[in-house]
Protein backbone atom coordinates (compact mmCIF):
# COMPACT_ATOMS: atom_id res chain seq x y z
CA MET A 1 -28.42 -0.20 -57.96
CA ARG A 2 -28.45 -0.42 -54.15
CA ALA A 3 -27.00 2.50 -52.25
CA GLY A 4 -24.04 1.77 -50.00
CA PRO A 5 -24.18 2.04 -46.22
CA ARG A 6 -24.87 5.53 -44.93
CA ARG A 7 -21.87 7.13 -43.31
CA THR A 8 -22.38 8.67 -39.90
CA ARG A 9 -20.72 11.91 -41.04
CA ASP A 10 -23.42 12.31 -43.68
CA ALA A 11 -26.38 11.95 -41.27
CA ASP A 12 -27.16 15.67 -41.28
CA ALA A 13 -30.92 15.15 -41.11
CA ALA A 14 -30.62 13.87 -37.52
CA LEU A 15 -29.31 17.29 -36.51
CA ALA A 16 -31.69 19.40 -38.56
CA ASP A 17 -33.17 20.92 -35.40
CA LYS A 18 -30.05 21.79 -33.41
CA PRO A 19 -31.83 23.88 -30.76
CA ALA A 20 -34.09 20.94 -29.90
CA ALA A 21 -31.11 18.56 -29.82
CA LEU A 22 -29.14 20.88 -27.54
CA ALA A 23 -32.18 21.27 -25.27
CA ALA A 24 -32.34 17.47 -24.95
CA VAL A 25 -28.64 17.40 -24.04
CA GLU A 26 -29.12 20.06 -21.35
CA ALA A 27 -32.08 18.14 -19.94
CA ALA A 28 -29.94 14.97 -19.78
CA ALA A 29 -27.17 16.92 -18.05
CA GLY A 30 -29.65 18.13 -15.45
CA ARG A 31 -30.88 14.60 -14.76
CA LEU A 32 -27.33 13.30 -14.44
CA ALA A 33 -26.54 15.93 -11.86
CA GLN A 34 -29.07 14.16 -9.63
CA THR A 35 -28.62 10.51 -10.60
CA ALA A 36 -24.88 10.29 -11.30
CA ARG A 37 -23.59 12.46 -8.46
CA GLY A 38 -19.82 12.17 -8.15
CA LEU A 39 -19.35 9.96 -11.21
CA TYR A 40 -16.83 11.14 -13.77
CA SER A 41 -17.75 9.50 -17.09
CA PRO A 42 -21.49 10.38 -17.44
CA ALA A 43 -20.71 14.10 -17.70
CA ARG A 44 -18.00 13.38 -20.29
CA ILE A 45 -20.56 11.43 -22.33
CA VAL A 46 -22.88 14.43 -22.33
CA GLU A 47 -19.98 16.65 -23.42
CA ALA A 48 -19.24 14.26 -26.30
CA VAL A 49 -22.88 14.37 -27.48
CA ARG A 50 -22.88 18.16 -27.23
CA ALA A 51 -19.70 18.30 -29.33
CA ALA A 52 -21.33 16.08 -31.96
CA ILE A 53 -24.13 18.63 -32.30
CA GLU A 54 -22.10 21.83 -32.16
CA GLN A 55 -18.84 20.91 -33.90
CA PRO A 56 -17.90 19.76 -37.42
CA PHE A 57 -17.67 15.98 -37.66
CA ASP A 58 -13.87 15.62 -37.55
CA GLU A 59 -13.51 18.13 -34.73
CA GLY A 60 -16.27 16.33 -32.80
CA LEU A 61 -14.38 13.05 -33.18
CA ARG A 62 -11.24 14.64 -31.78
CA THR A 63 -13.23 16.00 -28.83
CA GLU A 64 -14.77 12.59 -28.18
CA ARG A 65 -11.34 10.95 -28.28
CA ALA A 66 -9.93 13.47 -25.81
CA LEU A 67 -12.86 12.91 -23.43
CA PHE A 68 -12.42 9.14 -23.71
CA LEU A 69 -8.74 9.43 -22.78
CA GLN A 70 -9.69 11.55 -19.77
CA CYS A 71 -12.02 8.75 -18.61
CA LEU A 72 -9.30 6.17 -19.24
CA ASP A 73 -6.90 8.11 -17.03
CA SER A 74 -9.46 8.69 -14.26
CA PRO A 75 -9.02 7.14 -10.79
CA GLN A 76 -12.67 6.10 -11.09
CA ARG A 77 -11.80 3.85 -14.01
CA ALA A 78 -9.15 2.14 -11.84
CA GLY A 79 -11.71 1.71 -9.06
CA LEU A 80 -14.31 0.20 -11.37
CA VAL A 81 -11.78 -2.19 -12.91
CA HIS A 82 -10.68 -3.25 -9.43
CA ALA A 83 -14.29 -3.87 -8.34
CA PHE A 84 -14.95 -5.95 -11.47
CA PHE A 85 -11.99 -8.28 -10.94
CA ALA A 86 -12.41 -8.38 -7.14
CA GLU A 87 -15.84 -9.98 -7.56
CA ARG A 88 -14.35 -12.72 -9.70
CA GLU A 89 -11.41 -13.24 -7.35
CA ALA A 90 -13.79 -13.72 -4.40
CA ALA A 91 -15.03 -16.96 -5.98
CA LYS A 92 -11.56 -18.50 -5.59
CA ILE A 93 -11.57 -20.22 -2.20
CA PRO A 94 -9.48 -23.13 -0.91
CA GLU A 95 -12.49 -25.40 -0.33
CA LEU A 96 -13.32 -25.45 -4.04
CA LYS A 97 -9.92 -27.05 -4.67
CA GLN A 98 -10.66 -29.76 -2.08
CA ALA A 99 -14.28 -30.74 -2.72
CA ARG A 100 -17.24 -30.61 -5.05
CA PRO A 101 -20.61 -29.11 -4.05
CA ARG A 102 -23.39 -31.38 -2.90
CA ARG A 103 -26.47 -31.68 -5.07
CA VAL A 104 -29.25 -29.24 -4.17
CA GLU A 105 -32.66 -29.84 -5.74
CA ARG A 106 -35.02 -28.91 -2.89
CA VAL A 107 -34.69 -26.04 -0.42
CA GLY A 108 -36.33 -25.54 2.97
CA ILE A 109 -36.68 -22.20 4.77
CA VAL A 110 -37.55 -21.73 8.44
CA GLY A 111 -39.17 -18.35 8.98
CA GLY A 112 -41.53 -16.36 6.78
CA GLY A 113 -40.64 -12.82 7.85
CA THR A 114 -39.18 -10.20 5.56
CA MET A 115 -35.86 -12.02 5.26
CA GLY A 116 -37.30 -15.53 4.95
CA ALA A 117 -39.78 -14.42 2.29
CA GLY A 118 -37.03 -12.63 0.36
CA ILE A 119 -34.83 -15.72 0.42
CA ALA A 120 -37.79 -17.80 -0.75
CA VAL A 121 -38.30 -15.49 -3.73
CA ALA A 122 -34.59 -15.66 -4.62
CA VAL A 123 -34.68 -19.47 -4.53
CA LEU A 124 -37.93 -19.69 -6.50
CA ASP A 125 -36.46 -17.33 -9.11
CA ALA A 126 -33.55 -19.77 -9.45
CA GLY A 127 -36.00 -22.51 -10.44
CA LEU A 128 -35.89 -24.52 -7.22
CA PRO A 129 -38.85 -25.67 -5.10
CA VAL A 130 -39.19 -24.16 -1.64
CA ALA A 131 -40.83 -25.50 1.51
CA MET A 132 -41.37 -22.85 4.19
CA VAL A 133 -41.97 -23.67 7.87
CA GLU A 134 -43.52 -21.21 10.32
CA GLN A 135 -44.60 -21.54 13.95
CA ASP A 136 -48.36 -21.34 13.33
CA ASP A 137 -50.94 -20.96 10.56
CA ALA A 138 -51.22 -17.19 10.92
CA ALA A 139 -47.46 -16.66 10.60
CA LEU A 140 -47.32 -19.05 7.66
CA GLU A 141 -50.09 -17.16 5.89
CA ARG A 142 -48.20 -13.91 6.40
CA GLY A 143 -45.11 -15.52 4.90
CA ARG A 144 -47.09 -16.71 1.89
CA ALA A 145 -48.55 -13.24 1.45
CA ARG A 146 -45.09 -11.62 1.52
CA VAL A 147 -43.83 -13.95 -1.21
CA ALA A 148 -46.95 -13.45 -3.33
CA GLN A 149 -46.75 -9.67 -2.88
CA VAL A 150 -43.29 -9.56 -4.48
CA TYR A 151 -44.61 -11.32 -7.56
CA ASP A 152 -47.81 -9.29 -7.62
CA LEU A 153 -45.74 -6.10 -7.76
CA LEU A 154 -43.61 -7.49 -10.60
CA VAL A 155 -46.72 -8.47 -12.57
CA GLY A 156 -48.23 -5.04 -11.95
CA LYS A 157 -45.09 -3.37 -13.31
CA GLY A 158 -45.08 -5.57 -16.40
CA ARG A 159 -41.79 -7.23 -15.41
CA MET A 160 -43.34 -10.69 -15.04
CA SER A 161 -46.29 -12.42 -16.67
CA ALA A 162 -49.15 -13.92 -14.69
CA ASP A 163 -48.11 -17.36 -15.95
CA GLU A 164 -44.56 -16.88 -14.65
CA ARG A 165 -45.95 -15.81 -11.27
CA ALA A 166 -48.15 -18.91 -11.14
CA GLU A 167 -45.24 -21.17 -12.13
CA ARG A 168 -43.07 -19.87 -9.28
CA LEU A 169 -45.80 -20.03 -6.65
CA ALA A 170 -46.63 -23.59 -7.72
CA ARG A 171 -43.18 -24.58 -6.43
CA PHE A 172 -43.79 -22.89 -3.07
CA THR A 173 -45.28 -24.90 -0.21
CA GLY A 174 -45.70 -24.20 3.50
CA SER A 175 -46.19 -26.04 6.75
CA THR A 176 -46.20 -25.57 10.50
CA GLY A 177 -44.33 -28.86 11.03
CA TYR A 178 -40.59 -29.40 10.59
CA GLU A 179 -41.30 -32.78 8.97
CA ALA A 180 -42.01 -30.85 5.75
CA LEU A 181 -38.25 -30.31 5.49
CA ALA A 182 -37.34 -34.00 5.56
CA ASP A 183 -36.58 -34.11 1.81
CA ALA A 184 -34.72 -30.79 1.60
CA ASP A 185 -31.10 -30.82 0.42
CA LEU A 186 -30.45 -27.37 1.89
CA ILE A 187 -32.33 -25.80 4.81
CA ILE A 188 -31.95 -22.12 5.62
CA GLU A 189 -32.92 -20.80 9.05
CA ALA A 190 -34.19 -17.20 8.87
CA VAL A 191 -35.75 -16.53 12.26
CA PHE A 192 -35.24 -13.55 14.59
CA GLU A 193 -31.65 -12.64 15.51
CA ASP A 194 -31.69 -14.37 18.89
CA MET A 195 -29.34 -17.19 19.83
CA ASP A 196 -31.86 -19.18 21.86
CA ALA A 197 -34.39 -19.04 19.02
CA LYS A 198 -31.81 -20.24 16.52
CA LEU A 199 -30.56 -23.02 18.77
CA ALA A 200 -34.14 -24.27 19.14
CA VAL A 201 -34.58 -24.30 15.36
CA PHE A 202 -31.34 -26.20 14.77
CA ALA A 203 -32.26 -28.78 17.37
CA GLN A 204 -35.41 -29.45 15.32
CA LEU A 205 -33.48 -29.48 12.04
CA ASP A 206 -31.05 -32.00 13.49
CA ARG A 207 -34.05 -34.20 14.22
CA VAL A 208 -35.71 -34.10 10.78
CA ALA A 209 -33.02 -33.31 8.20
CA LYS A 210 -31.90 -36.17 6.00
CA PRO A 211 -28.27 -37.33 6.05
CA GLY A 212 -26.10 -35.03 3.96
CA ALA A 213 -28.47 -32.08 4.03
CA VAL A 214 -26.71 -28.73 4.41
CA LEU A 215 -28.03 -26.63 7.31
CA ALA A 216 -27.52 -22.87 6.99
CA THR A 217 -28.16 -20.02 9.39
CA ASN A 218 -28.94 -16.57 8.07
CA THR A 219 -27.57 -14.88 11.18
CA SER A 220 -26.06 -11.42 10.74
CA TYR A 221 -23.87 -11.46 13.86
CA LEU A 222 -24.21 -14.60 15.95
CA ASP A 223 -21.67 -17.38 16.52
CA VAL A 224 -22.08 -19.97 13.76
CA ASP A 225 -19.89 -22.45 15.67
CA ARG A 226 -22.23 -22.33 18.67
CA ILE A 227 -25.24 -22.84 16.38
CA ALA A 228 -23.50 -25.79 14.67
CA ALA A 229 -22.82 -27.34 18.10
CA ALA A 230 -26.59 -27.74 18.56
CA THR A 231 -26.48 -30.48 15.89
CA ARG A 232 -24.89 -33.90 15.65
CA GLY A 233 -23.31 -32.94 12.32
CA PRO A 234 -21.52 -29.56 12.61
CA ALA A 235 -19.65 -30.36 9.39
CA ASP A 236 -22.96 -29.81 7.55
CA VAL A 237 -23.55 -26.36 9.06
CA LEU A 238 -22.52 -22.97 7.68
CA GLY A 239 -23.75 -19.40 7.61
CA LEU A 240 -25.50 -17.92 4.59
CA HIS A 241 -25.81 -14.24 5.45
CA PHE A 242 -28.26 -12.72 2.96
CA PHE A 243 -28.77 -8.97 2.74
CA SER A 244 -32.20 -7.37 2.72
CA PRO A 245 -34.14 -7.42 0.48
CA ALA A 246 -32.74 -10.89 -0.10
CA ASN A 247 -34.30 -11.28 -3.55
CA VAL A 248 -32.60 -8.05 -4.72
CA MET A 249 -29.26 -7.64 -2.92
CA LYS A 250 -26.37 -9.41 -4.65
CA LEU A 251 -24.02 -10.04 -1.75
CA LEU A 252 -24.04 -13.35 0.13
CA GLU A 253 -21.53 -13.90 2.95
CA VAL A 254 -20.74 -17.61 3.19
CA VAL A 255 -19.65 -18.06 6.82
CA VAL A 256 -17.32 -21.00 7.45
CA GLY A 257 -17.24 -22.48 10.94
CA ARG A 258 -14.42 -24.40 12.61
CA GLN A 259 -15.95 -27.75 11.65
CA THR A 260 -17.69 -26.84 8.39
CA ALA A 261 -16.76 -29.44 5.76
CA PRO A 262 -15.17 -28.31 2.47
CA ASP A 263 -18.05 -29.74 0.43
CA THR A 264 -20.51 -27.83 2.62
CA VAL A 265 -18.65 -24.60 1.79
CA ALA A 266 -18.52 -25.55 -1.88
CA THR A 267 -22.28 -26.10 -1.76
CA GLY A 268 -22.80 -22.61 -0.34
CA PHE A 269 -20.78 -21.04 -3.13
CA ASP A 270 -22.51 -23.09 -5.82
CA PHE A 271 -25.91 -22.18 -4.35
CA ALA A 272 -24.97 -18.48 -4.44
CA ARG A 273 -24.03 -18.83 -8.11
CA ARG A 274 -27.40 -20.42 -8.90
CA LEU A 275 -29.11 -17.50 -7.15
CA ARG A 276 -26.94 -15.09 -9.23
CA LYS A 277 -25.40 -13.66 -6.12
CA ILE A 278 -21.84 -12.66 -5.29
CA PRO A 279 -20.50 -14.98 -2.58
CA VAL A 280 -17.69 -13.95 -0.25
CA ARG A 281 -16.07 -16.36 2.19
CA ALA A 282 -16.09 -15.15 5.82
CA GLY A 283 -14.78 -16.59 9.06
CA VAL A 284 -16.65 -16.65 12.36
CA CYS A 285 -16.66 -13.53 14.54
CA ASP A 286 -19.33 -11.13 15.76
CA GLY A 287 -20.67 -9.59 12.54
CA PHE A 288 -18.39 -11.57 10.18
CA ILE A 289 -16.86 -9.19 7.59
CA GLY A 290 -19.47 -6.60 6.72
CA ASN A 291 -21.35 -6.04 9.97
CA ARG A 292 -18.20 -6.14 12.06
CA ILE A 293 -16.70 -3.31 9.98
CA LEU A 294 -20.08 -1.54 9.92
CA ALA A 295 -20.12 -1.47 13.73
CA ALA A 296 -16.78 0.35 13.74
CA TYR A 297 -17.66 3.13 11.32
CA ARG A 298 -21.09 3.58 12.85
CA GLN A 299 -19.32 4.04 16.19
CA ALA A 300 -17.11 6.67 14.53
CA ALA A 301 -20.25 8.42 13.29
CA ASP A 302 -21.83 8.28 16.76
CA LEU A 303 -18.71 9.75 18.35
CA MET A 304 -18.78 12.66 15.89
CA MET A 305 -22.50 13.13 16.53
CA GLU A 306 -22.00 13.39 20.29
CA ASP A 307 -18.97 15.65 19.77
CA GLY A 308 -20.87 18.20 17.66
CA ALA A 309 -21.85 16.98 14.19
CA SER A 310 -25.58 16.52 13.59
CA PRO A 311 -26.72 13.21 12.07
CA TYR A 312 -27.83 15.26 9.07
CA ASP A 313 -24.32 16.72 8.64
CA ILE A 314 -22.85 13.23 8.78
CA ASP A 315 -25.33 11.77 6.31
CA ALA A 316 -24.70 14.64 3.88
CA ALA A 317 -20.91 14.20 4.05
CA VAL A 318 -21.17 10.45 3.48
CA ARG A 319 -23.48 10.97 0.49
CA GLU A 320 -21.04 13.53 -0.88
CA PHE A 321 -18.35 10.83 -0.78
CA GLY A 322 -20.56 8.70 -3.03
CA TYR A 323 -22.77 6.55 -0.79
CA PRO A 324 -26.45 6.46 -1.79
CA MET A 325 -27.41 7.28 1.80
CA GLY A 326 -25.73 8.10 5.09
CA PRO A 327 -25.53 5.90 8.21
CA TYR A 328 -28.52 7.44 9.99
CA GLN A 329 -30.71 7.20 6.91
CA MET A 330 -29.64 3.56 6.65
CA MET A 331 -30.47 2.92 10.31
CA ASP A 332 -33.92 4.36 9.81
CA LEU A 333 -34.42 2.17 6.74
CA ALA A 334 -33.23 -1.05 8.44
CA GLY A 335 -35.05 -0.34 11.71
CA GLY A 336 -33.48 1.01 14.88
CA ASP A 337 -34.78 -1.90 16.95
CA ILE A 338 -32.37 -4.29 15.19
CA GLY A 339 -29.29 -2.35 16.29
CA TRP A 340 -30.81 -1.83 19.74
CA ALA A 341 -31.16 -5.58 20.22
CA THR A 342 -27.54 -6.06 19.18
CA ARG A 343 -26.32 -3.37 21.59
CA LYS A 344 -28.24 -4.95 24.47
CA ARG A 345 -26.82 -8.37 23.60
CA ARG A 346 -23.28 -6.99 23.62
CA ALA A 347 -23.71 -4.90 26.79
CA PRO A 348 -22.36 -7.53 29.25
CA THR A 349 -19.12 -7.91 27.28
CA ARG A 350 -18.66 -4.28 26.26
CA ASP A 351 -15.16 -2.97 26.91
CA PRO A 352 -15.52 -0.41 29.73
CA ALA A 353 -12.61 1.55 28.22
CA GLN A 354 -14.64 2.11 25.05
CA ARG A 355 -16.78 5.22 24.99
CA TYR A 356 -20.47 4.38 24.56
CA VAL A 357 -22.81 6.90 22.91
CA GLN A 358 -26.40 6.52 24.14
CA ILE A 359 -28.23 8.73 21.63
CA ALA A 360 -29.60 5.80 19.61
CA ASP A 361 -30.88 4.19 22.81
CA ARG A 362 -32.81 7.37 23.71
CA LEU A 363 -34.61 7.24 20.35
CA CYS A 364 -35.37 3.53 20.65
CA GLU A 365 -36.75 3.98 24.18
CA ARG A 366 -39.34 6.30 22.61
CA GLY A 367 -40.25 3.68 20.01
CA TRP A 368 -38.65 5.72 17.22
CA PHE A 369 -37.34 2.89 15.06
CA GLY A 370 -37.23 4.65 11.69
CA GLN A 371 -39.42 4.45 8.63
CA LYS A 372 -41.63 1.66 9.93
CA THR A 373 -42.68 3.73 12.96
CA GLY A 374 -42.82 7.08 11.14
CA ARG A 375 -39.80 8.54 12.88
CA GLY A 376 -36.24 7.69 13.85
CA TYR A 377 -33.41 10.11 13.23
CA TYR A 378 -35.72 11.59 10.59
CA LEU A 379 -39.46 12.22 10.43
CA TYR A 380 -41.54 10.22 7.92
CA PRO A 381 -45.00 11.84 7.90
CA ASP A 382 -47.84 9.87 6.31
CA GLY A 383 -45.57 6.93 5.46
CA ALA A 384 -43.13 9.04 3.42
CA ARG A 385 -40.04 7.23 2.16
CA GLN A 386 -37.93 10.40 2.21
CA GLY A 387 -37.30 11.64 5.72
CA ARG A 388 -37.05 15.20 6.94
CA GLN A 389 -34.94 16.59 9.75
CA ASP A 390 -36.43 16.40 13.24
CA PRO A 391 -35.80 19.24 15.76
CA GLU A 392 -36.74 16.90 18.62
CA VAL A 393 -33.89 14.57 17.69
CA LEU A 394 -31.47 17.50 17.78
CA ALA A 395 -32.80 18.39 21.24
CA ILE A 396 -32.22 14.83 22.46
CA ILE A 397 -28.67 14.96 21.09
CA ASP A 398 -28.03 18.26 22.89
CA ALA A 399 -29.30 16.74 26.14
CA GLU A 400 -27.03 13.72 25.72
CA ARG A 401 -24.05 16.01 25.11
CA ARG A 402 -24.78 17.81 28.39
CA ARG A 403 -25.16 14.50 30.23
CA ALA A 404 -21.80 13.33 28.85
CA ALA A 405 -20.18 16.73 29.60
CA VAL A 406 -19.25 17.18 25.93
CA THR A 407 -18.62 20.66 24.53
CA PRO A 408 -19.76 20.41 20.89
CA ARG A 409 -17.54 21.58 18.07
CA PRO A 410 -18.09 21.84 14.30
CA PHE A 411 -17.04 19.04 11.93
CA PRO A 412 -16.33 20.06 8.31
CA PRO A 413 -17.49 17.51 5.68
CA GLU A 414 -13.93 16.46 4.86
CA GLU A 415 -13.17 15.63 8.51
CA ILE A 416 -16.39 13.63 8.76
CA GLN A 417 -15.36 11.62 5.71
CA ARG A 418 -11.80 11.07 6.90
CA ARG A 419 -12.86 9.82 10.34
CA TYR A 420 -15.63 7.65 8.91
CA LEU A 421 -13.28 6.02 6.39
CA ALA A 422 -10.34 5.72 8.81
CA ALA A 423 -12.53 3.72 11.22
CA MET A 424 -13.75 1.53 8.34
CA ILE A 425 -10.28 0.85 6.94
CA ASN A 426 -8.74 0.24 10.36
CA GLU A 427 -11.34 -2.36 11.35
CA ALA A 428 -11.09 -3.94 7.89
CA ALA A 429 -7.35 -4.34 8.47
CA ASN A 430 -8.11 -6.13 11.76
CA VAL A 431 -10.62 -8.40 10.01
CA LEU A 432 -7.96 -9.27 7.45
CA ARG A 433 -5.22 -9.77 10.04
CA GLN A 434 -7.41 -12.23 11.98
CA GLY A 435 -8.20 -14.26 8.86
CA ILE A 436 -11.92 -13.47 8.86
CA ALA A 437 -11.51 -12.39 5.22
CA LEU A 438 -9.19 -14.20 2.81
CA ARG A 439 -7.92 -11.12 0.99
CA PRO A 440 -8.34 -7.31 0.96
CA SER A 441 -10.30 -7.39 -2.29
CA ASP A 442 -12.93 -9.64 -0.64
CA ILE A 443 -13.55 -6.85 1.88
CA ASP A 444 -13.95 -4.43 -1.03
CA VAL A 445 -16.57 -6.72 -2.59
CA VAL A 446 -18.52 -6.89 0.67
CA ALA A 447 -18.45 -3.10 1.09
CA VAL A 448 -19.48 -2.36 -2.50
CA ALA A 449 -22.06 -5.12 -3.01
CA GLY A 450 -23.65 -5.06 0.45
CA TYR A 451 -23.09 -1.69 2.13
CA GLY A 452 -23.29 0.98 -0.58
CA PHE A 453 -19.57 1.87 -0.76
CA PRO A 454 -19.26 3.77 -4.06
CA ARG A 455 -18.22 1.27 -6.72
CA HIS A 456 -16.17 3.82 -8.63
CA ARG A 457 -13.87 4.10 -5.59
CA GLY A 458 -13.23 0.34 -5.67
CA GLY A 459 -13.89 -0.44 -2.01
CA PRO A 460 -12.30 0.70 1.28
CA MET A 461 -9.05 -1.24 0.84
CA HIS A 462 -8.54 -0.03 -2.73
CA TYR A 463 -9.44 3.49 -1.63
CA ALA A 464 -6.90 3.30 1.22
CA ASP A 465 -4.22 2.29 -1.27
CA SER A 466 -5.19 5.15 -3.58
CA VAL A 467 -4.79 7.83 -0.89
CA GLY A 468 -1.83 6.06 0.71
CA LEU A 469 -1.66 3.96 3.88
CA PRO A 470 0.70 6.45 5.57
CA ARG A 471 -2.04 9.10 5.39
CA ILE A 472 -4.63 6.73 6.88
CA LEU A 473 -2.19 5.79 9.65
CA ALA A 474 -1.39 9.45 10.37
CA ASP A 475 -5.12 10.19 10.71
CA LEU A 476 -5.60 7.27 13.12
CA ARG A 477 -2.67 8.37 15.26
CA GLU A 478 -4.02 11.91 15.38
CA TYR A 479 -7.49 10.72 16.46
CA ALA A 480 -5.95 8.31 18.98
CA ARG A 481 -4.62 11.26 20.96
CA GLU A 482 -8.21 12.09 21.96
CA ASP A 483 -9.57 8.51 22.19
CA PRO A 484 -6.88 5.79 22.19
CA ALA A 485 -9.31 2.99 23.05
CA PHE A 486 -11.30 3.39 19.82
CA TRP A 487 -8.67 4.70 17.40
CA THR A 488 -5.79 2.27 18.08
CA PRO A 489 -4.23 1.57 14.65
CA SER A 490 -4.41 -2.01 13.42
CA PRO A 491 -1.02 -3.76 13.68
CA LEU A 492 -1.42 -4.87 10.05
CA LEU A 493 -1.99 -1.30 8.87
CA VAL A 494 1.08 -0.12 10.81
CA GLU A 495 3.18 -2.95 9.38
CA LEU A 496 2.17 -2.26 5.78
CA ALA A 497 2.48 1.52 6.01
CA GLU A 498 5.90 1.44 7.64
CA ALA A 499 7.17 -1.13 5.11
CA GLY A 500 5.97 0.97 2.17
CA ARG A 501 3.51 -1.74 1.11
CA ASP A 502 -0.20 -1.56 0.33
CA PHE A 503 -3.24 -3.81 0.72
CA ALA A 504 -3.01 -4.82 -2.94
CA SER A 505 0.25 -6.63 -2.16
CA LEU A 506 -1.79 -9.00 0.04
CA ASN A 507 -4.23 -9.65 -2.79
CA ARG A 508 -1.33 -10.89 -4.87
CA ALA A 509 -0.15 -13.11 -2.03
CA ALA A 510 -3.57 -14.69 -1.38
């Protein structure tokens, strides 16, 4: 006669060595303290396992139920639920009601640098053939090598077979002539962030692209409408702003120009889906959604740095909030030269009323661009990935404070966080008010999927609602007393706060 199923309450043998089981639980708790910093539920899970070992079965069940209810009632649960549904809401755009996507079977990429190679890998992984164009044979070979290196690493880690690698690379071709893109249904420009360079590329694409081909620029900041004007068919042009590394990062800003056709937009969203990315619709402005908001909270960080907080204090406070890294660690990772080029481009149109902090420029003038040069805000000896604090950077900051006649003061971690987030939320409200983003939850998706905003907090707009818009507005008005040019509250934020409404009310209206 066959025995019935074993009941969990009778599985005493699994707990025969309770000391060893408890030691394993303590080890897991120690690891979580490092890997799940700030998260609520992982620690409750460990407590539930500990209760299963130490308590009688029925009592352990009651403990587990109580811990589950605590998680259910946690603000983090609300943030995670919001982030989940916000990603799905972002796919609902007006163009998809008006048009169907064009057929994309072949993809062209102009540029084989880090971004172009990453995009190529993402497209190859989606099963599509890729033709890459570079300016000369040496650059093309470097592009090929970057693509191959990604797959070599995956094979070495056992995450891809040699046959799979060969199958992907068989669909990858390269050329130094734009004629190789004549059959492409979608062509993505991924050259250096320089308007003249991009205009030159699009003039060539206009010459060789077949009728109906979608032309996309991977620009992070530049005017998509001006780029589209370099072609005879601006309706076919849009922005596809990938995030680096493009084969890993999930966010894709689909930037819609004044003349971009609905089916071109629909094609961008469908392409993102095929690449298993999260598309968010963005309008045209300097930096679109994510980088425009990033510029504001980086400026807030720079102001605090010049006023007395060290970059290491700021990074630590931002990590404590839940980001994987702070703004100066991120700048070192991305490369200081990228931001430097953007600052120089914006210099002629910079508002003279806005305070400009020059500390980053002093580092860049020394060639300290971050990890790739071995030092930036941090030191990276012998190619280290983890930076260490640099006394010379602190000396440069002190010198800049003296030049600017600033008397430094201390910034507690909570004040750093409040200023950082107030700048972020305020600029996000301006982005929303100007129609650059369709809805507040789209901004949350961009911040979480592309910029490291802690997912369990839902995104900056959801976070603002959770703490209350009146508090955010009160902070902005307080900071505006010292610097009205930078801290002017967004009219939308003022309107919502004074009417007793929140950003979520605009999600419902979208």
